[in-house]
Amino acid sequence: MRLDSVFVSACCALACHGLAQPTYDVLDVGDLVNGVGTSDPRGINNAGQVIGTASPASGPTRGFRWEPANGIKALLSALPGQTNANAVVVDPYFIANDGTVLGGAPVYNGASFVNYHAAKWTSPTASFEILNSGTQRSNASAMNALGDIAGYENIPPGFSRPRLWLADGSTVSIPILPSETIGIAQRITDDGRTLVYVSQSASPYLKAFIRKPDGTRVDIPFIAGTEQFTPADMNNLGQVVGVVRQGSLSKAIIWDETGGTRFLPLGTMTESGAMGINDAGAIVGWVKGPGFAFLTAAIWYTPTSNPVILSQRLTPASSTWGIVGGDSVSDINESGWILVTGLTPPKPGRYQHAAVLAPAYPCPVFSDHPDNVRFNYNSSIIYLGAAASSNQVITYSWKRNGQTVTDGLYGNTRVIGATTNALRIQNPTPAWAGEWICEATNACSTVASTAAQVTICRADFNNDNQVDDADFGTFVVSYNLLDCFDPGMVGGCRADLNGDLVVDDADFTHFVLAYNDLVCP
């Protein structure tokens, strides 16, 4: 089986089945003026924490982090040593799953404003300057589970350049082409892929590329007849969503390395835009079309399903809320919580608040289960995915043959995402075959997905999806290698079929038995 086949199997686990369409309760993030002020959402993490900005009854606009358990909004502090009253006007942009907030914070020299500098808050009262960019602006846009941060810094005469601040203390300046004037590192996955948004002086004026950990650049191609791609988000599987222009119309698109660039379905609508995507492949954004004179908040439960109007999915208890159209849909997390801008029920007036749409059921409900996956010795990565939702925060775990799996490096195999609903196994060996389940847990209960069988085709040694003499020849070449366990060999020795770290007659017998079956399990 080729790697792209393994990926397609995983995508089916994430997105190919029809997902249930929940109804939603509205959770009010609130404001700083006892319900009669406004607040604006910026991001939500898997713990349900929300970041945003709001104005108090008097004084400057403040950034905050909201806790779903108690409804408290903790204000984000100014950078250390900043005493100007306006130094608290911070600009939160991204919240990591551990609660770390990233963005920009103002720097003052006495009464003189210098600029916004890239900053992070490990708690609302613990702020750190990531980059002192002098009089130039810098900003932190995203962080992965390893602590690597993506963002940008301006260089004279003021053009943004994409930059990474890695957890080991090193920095990476991502090069852009001479024709590109501005670049921003927007998102970074746990395996180090970075989404970079660039602009240039000639058409298409806006576009994007992926910077791989080895420095390779992969441009996100346009669909024929489209131009000016504005990326909005990338999930941990490297799927990118955003909006392109097609003539006078805007269209939502999704891209990944396997499937390329394609439009999200429009249903009966004429225009659309994608704003956020989670690891289960659920996409939030907006649509416009017959019966909807304005941009309307929507969700695509899979990249191949028609959009669903979110205002039509509110529970009766939340039906007096309004959802602001356009780009008011900001984000979606792995519990299916959607961050929006909402209009509160009349008090007697209506106020614009950051709000969360949470699926109305309290216990986790799996809307998609992991699919069976078959791999072989040339498969560099296996994906396993599931999707559950609830109105209480969900945590995920994975079990193989009844044993809980944790992230880490096991020989040459790396496991990433064991506490998420999207598990990746890099350089898998036969030891990772078995029965896999995903468990979704919250305060209500723990619910298990149906089991997925992960199997290895031992005899398809040349990775062409069939068992024949070519596999025998490829195996013999690997079997005869004398440097099988050279530490520099990625994946170890492929001829060690029984996994005992020795290549001997037992491995040859293993192969012959599999070869004589002529079929893969």
Protein backbone atom coordinates (compact mmCIF):
# COMPACT_ATOMS: atom_id res chain seq x y z
CA MET A 1 0.00 0.00 0.00
CA ARG A 2 1.36 3.42 -0.93
CA LEU A 3 1.61 6.18 1.69
CA ASP A 4 -1.16 8.14 0.02
CA SER A 5 -3.43 5.11 0.38
CA VAL A 6 -2.69 5.01 4.09
CA PHE A 7 -3.52 8.72 4.25
CA VAL A 8 -6.79 8.21 2.38
CA SER A 9 -7.78 5.50 4.82
CA ALA A 10 -7.15 7.92 7.64
CA CYS A 11 -9.08 10.66 5.90
CA CYS A 12 -12.03 8.30 5.65
CA ALA A 13 -11.75 7.83 9.39
CA LEU A 14 -11.83 11.57 9.78
CA ALA A 15 -14.16 12.78 7.12
CA CYS A 16 -15.69 10.32 4.68
CA HIS A 17 -18.63 9.07 6.74
CA GLY A 18 -21.73 11.18 7.26
CA LEU A 19 -21.44 12.91 10.63
CA ALA A 20 -24.44 13.64 12.82
CA GLN A 21 -25.52 17.26 12.89
CA PRO A 22 -25.84 18.34 16.54
CA THR A 23 -27.90 21.15 17.93
CA TYR A 24 -25.98 23.76 19.90
CA ASP A 25 -26.27 25.54 23.22
CA VAL A 26 -24.78 29.04 23.32
CA LEU A 27 -22.20 29.64 26.06
CA ASP A 28 -21.81 33.38 26.67
CA VAL A 29 -18.18 34.44 27.06
CA GLY A 30 -19.51 37.81 28.21
CA ASP A 31 -17.87 41.22 28.48
CA LEU A 32 -16.30 43.49 31.10
CA VAL A 33 -19.42 45.64 31.72
CA ASN A 34 -21.84 43.25 33.42
CA GLY A 35 -23.48 42.04 30.23
CA VAL A 36 -24.04 45.38 28.52
CA GLY A 37 -20.67 45.76 26.84
CA THR A 38 -19.06 44.00 23.90
CA SER A 39 -16.34 41.40 23.44
CA ASP A 40 -14.60 39.98 20.38
CA PRO A 41 -13.39 36.37 20.04
CA ARG A 42 -9.90 35.45 18.86
CA GLY A 43 -9.37 31.73 19.51
CA ILE A 44 -10.39 28.59 21.40
CA ASN A 45 -8.34 25.57 22.49
CA ASN A 46 -9.24 21.95 23.16
CA ALA A 47 -9.78 22.72 26.86
CA GLY A 48 -12.52 25.18 25.84
CA GLN A 49 -10.53 28.23 26.97
CA VAL A 50 -11.26 31.31 24.86
CA ILE A 51 -9.14 34.37 24.20
CA GLY A 52 -10.54 37.68 23.08
CA THR A 53 -10.70 41.40 23.70
CA ALA A 54 -13.26 43.53 25.52
CA SER A 55 -13.65 47.09 26.72
CA PRO A 56 -14.34 47.90 30.39
CA ALA A 57 -16.71 50.67 31.47
CA SER A 58 -13.71 53.00 31.40
CA GLY A 59 -10.13 52.58 30.31
CA PRO A 60 -8.47 50.82 27.37
CA THR A 61 -9.52 47.64 25.60
CA ARG A 62 -8.17 44.55 27.35
CA GLY A 63 -7.18 41.08 26.21
CA PHE A 64 -8.50 38.17 28.27
CA ARG A 65 -8.54 34.40 28.69
CA TRP A 66 -11.95 32.89 29.55
CA GLU A 67 -12.39 29.70 31.56
CA PRO A 68 -15.41 27.57 30.60
CA ALA A 69 -15.62 25.89 34.01
CA ASN A 70 -16.37 29.09 35.94
CA GLY A 71 -17.02 31.75 33.29
CA ILE A 72 -14.21 33.96 34.59
CA LYS A 73 -12.30 36.22 32.22
CA ALA A 74 -8.73 36.77 33.43
CA LEU A 75 -7.14 39.90 31.96
CA LEU A 76 -3.79 39.51 30.21
CA SER A 77 -0.98 41.54 31.76
CA ALA A 78 1.39 44.01 30.15
CA LEU A 79 4.95 42.97 29.41
CA PRO A 80 7.33 43.05 32.41
CA GLY A 81 8.64 46.52 33.16
CA GLN A 82 5.98 48.30 31.11
CA THR A 83 4.31 50.97 33.28
CA ASN A 84 2.49 53.06 30.69
CA ALA A 85 -1.28 52.83 31.26
CA ASN A 86 -1.79 51.74 27.65
CA ALA A 87 0.74 48.90 27.88
CA VAL A 88 -2.11 46.60 28.93
CA VAL A 89 -3.75 46.93 25.49
CA VAL A 90 -2.36 43.58 24.37
CA ASP A 91 -3.42 41.76 21.21
CA PRO A 92 -4.03 38.01 21.81
CA TYR A 93 -4.04 35.96 18.63
CA PHE A 94 -3.73 32.24 19.45
CA ILE A 95 -4.27 29.95 22.45
CA ALA A 96 -2.45 26.63 22.73
CA ASN A 97 -3.99 23.55 24.29
CA ASP A 98 -1.99 24.06 27.51
CA GLY A 99 -3.51 27.54 27.93
CA THR A 100 -0.48 29.48 26.68
CA VAL A 101 -1.59 32.64 24.86
CA LEU A 102 0.37 34.12 21.96
CA GLY A 103 0.12 37.46 20.23
CA GLY A 104 1.58 40.94 20.46
CA ALA A 105 2.03 43.37 23.34
CA PRO A 106 2.79 47.11 23.17
CA VAL A 107 6.15 48.47 24.21
CA TYR A 108 6.48 52.05 25.45
CA ASN A 109 9.47 54.22 26.13
CA GLY A 110 7.93 56.39 28.80
CA ALA A 111 5.00 58.10 27.12
CA SER A 112 6.19 57.20 23.62
CA PHE A 113 4.77 54.15 21.88
CA VAL A 114 7.52 52.02 20.33
CA ASN A 115 5.60 49.14 18.68
CA TYR A 116 3.93 45.79 19.31
CA HIS A 117 6.34 42.93 19.98
CA ALA A 118 5.78 39.17 19.81
CA ALA A 119 4.71 37.94 23.25
CA LYS A 120 3.35 34.95 25.11
CA TRP A 121 1.47 34.49 28.36
CA THR A 122 2.01 31.20 30.18
CA SER A 123 -0.75 32.43 32.50
CA PRO A 124 -2.75 35.66 32.30
CA THR A 125 -0.35 37.35 34.74
CA ALA A 126 2.91 35.83 33.40
CA SER A 127 3.93 37.55 30.17
CA PHE A 128 7.15 37.20 28.18
CA GLU A 129 8.58 39.11 25.26
CA ILE A 130 9.45 36.55 22.57
CA LEU A 131 11.27 39.00 20.32
CA ASN A 132 12.48 42.52 20.99
CA SER A 133 12.17 43.84 17.45
CA GLY A 134 13.11 47.40 18.40
CA THR A 135 10.96 49.96 16.65
CA GLN A 136 9.71 47.29 14.21
CA ARG A 137 6.61 45.20 14.82
CA SER A 138 6.62 41.46 15.52
CA ASN A 139 3.88 39.01 16.39
CA ALA A 140 3.45 35.39 17.48
CA SER A 141 0.74 33.57 15.51
CA ALA A 142 0.70 29.94 16.67
CA MET A 143 2.44 27.29 18.78
CA ASN A 144 2.61 23.50 18.47
CA ALA A 145 2.67 20.87 21.22
CA LEU A 146 6.48 20.94 21.31
CA GLY A 147 6.53 24.66 22.11
CA ASP A 148 7.72 25.83 18.67
CA ILE A 149 6.22 29.24 17.83
CA ALA A 150 5.35 30.69 14.42
CA GLY A 151 5.00 34.38 13.67
CA TYR A 152 6.67 37.26 11.93
CA GLU A 153 8.92 40.26 12.41
CA ASN A 154 9.08 43.43 10.37
CA ILE A 155 12.35 44.41 8.80
CA PRO A 156 13.12 47.91 7.50
CA PRO A 157 11.36 49.54 5.78
CA GLY A 158 8.59 47.65 7.55
CA PHE A 159 7.81 44.50 5.58
CA SER A 160 6.84 41.38 7.52
CA ARG A 161 9.04 38.30 7.28
CA PRO A 162 8.03 34.82 8.53
CA ARG A 163 9.94 33.52 11.54
CA LEU A 164 9.98 30.50 13.86
CA TRP A 165 11.07 30.55 17.50
CA LEU A 166 11.86 26.94 18.35
CA ALA A 167 11.52 25.35 21.78
CA ASP A 168 15.27 24.61 21.86
CA GLY A 169 16.00 28.35 21.82
CA SER A 170 17.00 28.59 18.17
CA THR A 171 15.25 30.74 15.58
CA VAL A 172 14.50 30.17 11.91
CA SER A 173 13.93 32.94 9.38
CA ILE A 174 11.82 31.46 6.58
CA PRO A 175 12.92 32.81 3.18
CA ILE A 176 10.37 34.16 0.72
CA LEU A 177 10.79 34.76 -3.00
CA PRO A 178 12.11 38.08 -4.38
CA SER A 179 8.67 38.79 -5.86
CA GLU A 180 7.01 38.38 -2.43
CA THR A 181 6.91 41.49 -0.28
CA ILE A 182 5.24 40.27 2.92
CA GLY A 183 5.30 36.88 4.66
CA ILE A 184 3.66 35.68 7.90
CA ALA A 185 4.09 32.26 9.51
CA GLN A 186 0.48 31.55 10.43
CA ARG A 187 0.29 27.99 11.83
CA ILE A 188 2.70 25.19 12.79
CA THR A 189 1.91 21.49 13.22
CA ASP A 190 3.37 19.21 15.86
CA ASP A 191 5.64 17.66 13.23
CA GLY A 192 6.96 21.08 12.22
CA ARG A 193 5.08 21.97 9.02
CA THR A 194 4.50 25.73 8.85
CA LEU A 195 1.78 27.55 6.93
CA VAL A 196 3.15 30.79 5.47
CA TYR A 197 0.93 33.52 4.05
CA VAL A 198 2.55 35.83 1.50
CA SER A 199 1.62 38.81 -0.64
CA GLN A 200 3.23 40.13 -3.78
CA SER A 201 2.93 43.11 -6.08
CA ALA A 202 1.59 41.16 -9.09
CA SER A 203 -1.38 38.82 -9.51
CA PRO A 204 -2.13 36.63 -7.63
CA TYR A 205 -1.57 39.16 -4.89
CA LEU A 206 -2.17 36.76 -2.00
CA LYS A 207 -1.05 33.13 -1.76
CA ALA A 208 0.44 30.60 0.66
CA PHE A 209 3.01 27.85 0.97
CA ILE A 210 4.04 25.13 3.42
CA ARG A 211 7.54 25.18 4.84
CA LYS A 212 8.54 21.62 5.79
CA PRO A 213 10.90 20.89 8.72
CA ASP A 214 13.74 20.20 6.28
CA GLY A 215 13.28 23.66 4.75
CA THR A 216 11.50 22.43 1.61
CA ARG A 217 8.87 24.82 0.26
CA VAL A 218 5.55 23.44 -1.07
CA ASP A 219 3.40 26.08 -2.77
CA ILE A 220 -0.35 25.65 -2.40
CA PRO A 221 -1.60 25.58 -6.01
CA PHE A 222 -4.58 27.46 -7.33
CA ILE A 223 -7.56 25.79 -8.98
CA ALA A 224 -7.82 26.91 -12.61
CA GLY A 225 -9.81 30.14 -12.83
CA THR A 226 -9.08 31.22 -9.26
CA GLU A 227 -6.59 33.59 -7.72
CA GLN A 228 -5.78 35.56 -4.57
CA PHE A 229 -5.82 32.83 -1.92
CA THR A 230 -6.18 34.01 1.70
CA PRO A 231 -5.34 31.13 4.08
CA ALA A 232 -7.21 31.04 7.38
CA ASP A 233 -6.18 27.93 9.30
CA MET A 234 -4.27 24.63 9.22
CA ASN A 235 -4.99 21.59 11.36
CA ASN A 236 -2.44 19.20 12.81
CA LEU A 237 -2.72 16.90 9.79
CA GLY A 238 -1.54 19.69 7.51
CA GLN A 239 -4.94 20.42 5.92
CA VAL A 240 -5.24 24.11 5.02
CA VAL A 241 -8.47 26.06 4.54
CA GLY A 242 -9.20 29.57 3.38
CA VAL A 243 -10.83 31.54 0.58
CA VAL A 244 -9.97 32.25 -3.05
CA ARG A 245 -11.40 34.63 -5.60
CA GLN A 246 -13.11 33.22 -8.69
CA GLY A 247 -14.01 36.20 -10.82
CA SER A 248 -16.18 38.38 -8.58
CA LEU A 249 -17.03 35.54 -6.19
CA SER A 250 -15.34 34.22 -3.05
CA LYS A 251 -15.04 30.43 -2.64
CA ALA A 252 -13.91 28.33 0.33
CA ILE A 253 -11.16 25.81 -0.42
CA ILE A 254 -9.26 23.04 1.35
CA TRP A 255 -5.78 21.79 0.48
CA ASP A 256 -3.53 18.95 1.58
CA GLU A 257 -0.60 17.20 -0.07
CA THR A 258 -2.61 14.10 -0.92
CA GLY A 259 -5.80 15.61 -2.32
CA GLY A 260 -4.47 18.92 -3.64
CA THR A 261 -6.61 22.06 -3.74
CA ARG A 262 -10.36 21.67 -4.04
CA PHE A 263 -13.50 23.71 -3.39
CA LEU A 264 -15.69 23.05 -0.39
CA PRO A 265 -19.23 22.16 -1.52
CA LEU A 266 -21.62 25.09 -1.89
CA GLY A 267 -24.96 23.29 -1.78
CA THR A 268 -27.47 25.92 -2.88
CA MET A 269 -25.14 28.81 -2.02
CA THR A 270 -23.10 30.94 -4.41
CA GLU A 271 -20.22 32.14 -2.23
CA SER A 272 -18.32 30.85 0.78
CA GLY A 273 -15.27 31.29 2.98
CA ALA A 274 -13.51 28.95 5.41
CA MET A 275 -12.19 30.32 8.72
CA GLY A 276 -11.15 27.30 10.83
CA ILE A 277 -10.62 23.53 10.70
CA ASN A 278 -10.13 20.94 13.44
CA ASP A 279 -8.26 17.64 13.25
CA ALA A 280 -11.48 15.75 12.50
CA GLY A 281 -11.85 17.76 9.29
CA ALA A 282 -14.85 19.84 10.43
CA ILE A 283 -14.65 23.32 8.89
CA VAL A 284 -16.36 26.53 10.01
CA GLY A 285 -16.85 29.65 7.95
CA TRP A 286 -19.54 31.51 6.07
CA VAL A 287 -21.80 31.21 3.04
CA LYS A 288 -23.98 33.51 0.96
CA GLY A 289 -26.69 32.69 -1.52
CA PRO A 290 -30.42 32.51 -2.24
CA GLY A 291 -32.45 33.41 0.82
CA PHE A 292 -29.39 34.87 2.58
CA ALA A 293 -28.70 38.46 1.58
CA PHE A 294 -25.74 38.68 3.95
CA LEU A 295 -22.81 36.45 4.85
CA THR A 296 -24.09 33.68 7.13
CA ALA A 297 -22.16 31.53 9.61
CA ALA A 298 -21.92 27.88 8.56
CA ILE A 299 -20.16 24.57 9.17
CA TRP A 300 -19.03 21.79 6.85
CA TYR A 301 -19.03 18.64 8.99
CA THR A 302 -16.67 17.05 6.45
CA PRO A 303 -14.74 18.54 3.51
CA THR A 304 -17.18 16.78 1.16
CA SER A 305 -20.48 17.69 2.83
CA ASN A 306 -22.73 20.64 2.06
CA PRO A 307 -22.62 23.63 4.43
CA VAL A 308 -25.06 23.76 7.36
CA ILE A 309 -26.38 27.13 8.58
CA LEU A 310 -25.43 27.40 12.26
CA SER A 311 -28.28 29.71 13.27
CA GLN A 312 -30.67 26.93 12.24
CA ARG A 313 -29.02 24.45 14.64
CA LEU A 314 -29.51 26.34 17.95
CA THR A 315 -31.47 24.65 20.74
CA PRO A 316 -34.76 26.26 21.82
CA ALA A 317 -33.07 27.56 24.97
CA SER A 318 -30.51 29.42 22.82
CA SER A 319 -32.77 30.38 19.94
CA THR A 320 -33.03 34.04 21.01
CA TRP A 321 -29.31 34.47 20.35
CA GLY A 322 -28.17 35.80 17.01
CA ILE A 323 -24.96 34.87 15.19
CA VAL A 324 -23.16 37.72 13.45
CA GLY A 325 -22.51 36.91 9.80
CA GLY A 326 -19.34 37.15 7.79
CA ASP A 327 -16.09 36.16 9.46
CA SER A 328 -17.67 36.06 12.92
CA VAL A 329 -17.01 32.31 13.06
CA SER A 330 -13.47 32.21 14.40
CA ASP A 331 -12.49 28.65 15.29
CA ILE A 332 -13.55 25.07 16.14
CA ASN A 333 -11.92 22.73 18.66
CA GLU A 334 -11.77 18.95 18.98
CA SER A 335 -14.89 18.78 21.19
CA GLY A 336 -16.85 20.36 18.33
CA TRP A 337 -17.09 23.73 20.13
CA ILE A 338 -17.42 26.62 17.69
CA LEU A 339 -16.23 30.12 18.57
CA VAL A 340 -18.48 32.85 17.15
CA THR A 341 -19.52 36.44 17.63
CA GLY A 342 -23.08 36.41 18.93
CA LEU A 343 -25.81 38.94 19.55
CA THR A 344 -27.14 38.45 23.08
CA PRO A 345 -30.86 38.07 23.80
CA PRO A 346 -32.46 41.50 24.41
CA LYS A 347 -31.60 43.06 27.78
CA PRO A 348 -33.61 45.14 26.42
CA GLY A 349 -30.84 45.88 23.91
CA ARG A 350 -28.63 43.34 22.12
CA TYR A 351 -24.89 43.27 22.68
CA GLN A 352 -22.15 41.73 20.61
CA HIS A 353 -20.33 39.07 22.63
CA ALA A 354 -17.78 36.36 22.05
CA ALA A 355 -19.74 33.12 22.40
CA VAL A 356 -19.26 29.37 22.08
CA LEU A 357 -21.65 27.00 20.32
CA ALA A 358 -21.40 23.71 22.24
CA PRO A 359 -23.14 20.50 21.09
CA ALA A 360 -26.19 20.08 23.32
CA TYR A 361 -25.50 16.60 24.71
CA PRO A 362 -23.46 16.26 27.94
CA CYS A 363 -21.69 12.92 27.35
CA PRO A 364 -19.29 12.38 24.43
CA VAL A 365 -20.93 11.18 21.23
CA PHE A 366 -18.73 9.75 18.48
CA SER A 367 -19.84 11.00 15.11
CA ASP A 368 -16.96 9.23 13.38
CA HIS A 369 -14.86 6.20 14.29
CA PRO A 370 -11.34 5.18 13.25
CA ASP A 371 -11.12 3.14 10.06
CA ASN A 372 -9.06 0.00 9.49
CA VAL A 373 -5.58 0.76 8.13
CA ARG A 374 -3.17 -1.54 6.32
CA PHE A 375 0.47 -0.53 5.97
CA ASN A 376 3.77 -2.03 4.84
CA TYR A 377 7.46 -1.39 5.29
CA ASN A 378 7.59 1.66 3.03
CA SER A 379 4.76 3.47 4.83
CA SER A 380 6.40 6.41 6.56
CA ILE A 381 3.31 7.39 8.54
CA ILE A 382 -0.04 6.01 9.70
CA TYR A 383 -2.98 8.23 10.63
CA LEU A 384 -5.84 7.17 12.90
CA GLY A 385 -8.67 9.62 13.45
CA ALA A 386 -12.02 9.88 15.24
CA ALA A 387 -14.50 12.63 16.10
CA ALA A 388 -16.63 13.11 19.21
CA SER A 389 -18.50 16.12 20.56
CA SER A 390 -20.27 17.27 23.72
CA ASN A 391 -21.25 20.41 25.62
CA GLN A 392 -18.56 19.54 28.16
CA VAL A 393 -14.86 19.56 27.30
CA ILE A 394 -13.57 16.26 25.93
CA THR A 395 -10.12 14.73 26.35
CA TYR A 396 -8.92 11.89 24.13
CA SER A 397 -6.74 8.83 24.54
CA TRP A 398 -5.81 5.86 22.36
CA LYS A 399 -5.42 2.19 23.22
CA ARG A 400 -3.70 -0.54 21.23
CA ASN A 401 -4.75 -4.07 22.20
CA GLY A 402 -6.18 -2.66 25.43
CA GLN A 403 -3.02 -0.76 26.45
CA THR A 404 -2.91 3.04 26.59
CA VAL A 405 -0.49 4.58 24.09
CA THR A 406 1.56 7.69 24.91
CA ASP A 407 3.46 10.17 22.75
CA GLY A 408 7.16 9.55 22.39
CA LEU A 409 10.01 7.98 20.45
CA TYR A 410 10.06 4.17 20.42
CA GLY A 411 13.21 3.15 18.60
CA ASN A 412 12.83 4.84 15.21
CA THR A 413 9.03 5.08 15.55
CA ARG A 414 7.52 8.31 16.82
CA VAL A 415 3.96 8.59 18.15
CA ILE A 416 2.34 12.04 17.96
CA GLY A 417 -1.16 13.01 19.07
CA ALA A 418 -1.90 10.22 21.56
CA THR A 419 -3.99 12.66 23.64
CA THR A 420 -5.86 14.04 20.63
CA ASN A 421 -8.42 12.61 18.24
CA ALA A 422 -5.84 12.47 15.40
CA LEU A 423 -3.01 10.01 16.05
CA ARG A 424 0.10 9.81 13.86
CA ILE A 425 2.67 6.99 13.91
CA GLN A 426 5.84 7.89 12.04
CA ASN A 427 8.06 5.06 10.72
CA PRO A 428 5.68 2.31 11.89
CA THR A 429 6.99 -1.22 12.46
CA PRO A 430 5.02 -4.48 12.76
CA ALA A 431 4.87 -3.93 16.53
CA TRP A 432 2.29 -1.16 15.96
CA ALA A 433 -0.21 -3.43 14.27
CA GLY A 434 -3.19 -4.45 16.38
CA GLU A 435 -6.65 -3.39 17.52
CA TRP A 436 -6.95 0.34 18.15
CA ILE A 437 -9.72 2.30 19.86
CA CYS A 438 -10.12 5.97 20.71
CA GLU A 439 -11.60 6.97 24.05
CA ALA A 440 -13.38 10.30 24.60
CA THR A 441 -13.70 11.41 28.22
CA ASN A 442 -15.40 14.29 30.01
CA ALA A 443 -17.11 14.91 33.34
CA CYS A 444 -20.12 12.96 32.14
CA SER A 445 -18.47 9.69 31.07
CA THR A 446 -15.81 7.89 29.02
CA VAL A 447 -16.99 6.55 25.68
CA ALA A 448 -15.01 4.24 23.39
CA SER A 449 -15.05 4.30 19.61
CA THR A 450 -15.50 1.14 17.61
CA ALA A 451 -12.24 -0.75 17.10
CA ALA A 452 -9.99 -0.27 14.08
CA GLN A 453 -7.68 -3.03 12.88
CA VAL A 454 -4.20 -1.85 11.93
CA THR A 455 -2.44 -4.58 9.95
CA ILE A 456 0.84 -4.88 8.10
CA CYS A 457 1.25 -6.57 4.74
CA ARG A 458 4.58 -8.28 5.37
CA ALA A 459 4.97 -9.79 1.90
CA ASP A 460 4.36 -6.60 -0.14
CA PHE A 461 7.97 -5.66 0.36
CA ASN A 462 8.30 -3.28 -2.58
CA ASN A 463 5.10 -1.42 -1.70
CA ASP A 464 3.22 -1.95 -4.97
CA ASN A 465 0.03 -3.43 -3.51
CA GLN A 466 0.68 -6.91 -4.82
CA VAL A 467 2.74 -9.92 -3.76
CA ASP A 468 5.04 -11.32 -6.47
CA ASP A 469 8.65 -12.16 -7.32
CA ALA A 470 9.65 -8.50 -7.16
CA ASP A 471 8.89 -8.52 -3.43
CA PHE A 472 11.14 -11.57 -2.95
CA GLY A 473 14.02 -9.83 -4.71
CA THR A 474 13.55 -6.63 -2.71
CA PHE A 475 13.51 -8.59 0.53
CA VAL A 476 16.73 -10.45 -0.33
CA VAL A 477 18.53 -7.16 -0.99
CA SER A 478 17.48 -5.82 2.42
CA TYR A 479 18.26 -9.16 4.09
CA ASN A 480 21.83 -9.10 2.77
CA LEU A 481 22.59 -5.59 4.01
CA LEU A 482 25.40 -5.67 6.54
CA ASP A 483 24.65 -2.24 7.99
CA CYS A 484 21.01 -2.95 8.78
CA PHE A 485 21.16 -1.30 12.18
CA ASP A 486 23.27 1.69 11.33
CA PRO A 487 21.79 4.43 13.61
CA GLY A 488 21.53 6.71 10.59
CA MET A 489 19.06 4.44 8.83
CA VAL A 490 15.54 5.85 9.17
CA GLY A 491 13.14 3.11 10.20
CA GLY A 492 15.83 0.60 11.16
CA CYS A 493 16.33 -2.58 9.17
CA ARG A 494 13.29 -3.56 7.11
CA ALA A 495 14.39 -7.19 6.97
CA ASP A 496 13.97 -7.63 10.74
CA LEU A 497 10.45 -9.00 10.29
CA ASN A 498 10.11 -10.45 13.77
CA GLY A 499 11.36 -7.30 15.49
CA ASP A 500 14.11 -8.95 17.57
CA LEU A 501 16.80 -6.51 16.32
CA VAL A 502 18.65 -9.38 14.60
CA VAL A 503 18.44 -10.26 10.91
CA ASP A 504 18.70 -14.04 10.63
CA ASP A 505 17.04 -17.18 9.30
CA ALA A 506 13.98 -16.58 11.48
CA ASP A 507 13.26 -13.39 9.51
CA PHE A 508 13.72 -15.24 6.21
CA THR A 509 11.23 -17.88 7.35
CA HIS A 510 8.84 -15.10 8.40
CA PHE A 511 8.96 -13.61 4.93
CA VAL A 512 8.58 -16.93 3.09
CA LEU A 513 5.47 -17.80 5.10
CA ALA A 514 3.91 -14.42 4.30
CA TYR A 515 5.01 -14.65 0.67
CA ASN A 516 3.45 -18.07 0.20
CA ASP A 517 0.07 -16.67 1.32
CA LEU A 518 0.14 -14.51 -1.86
CA VAL A 519 -2.34 -12.08 -0.29
CA CYS A 520 -2.12 -9.43 2.37
CA PRO A 521 -4.17 -9.65 5.57
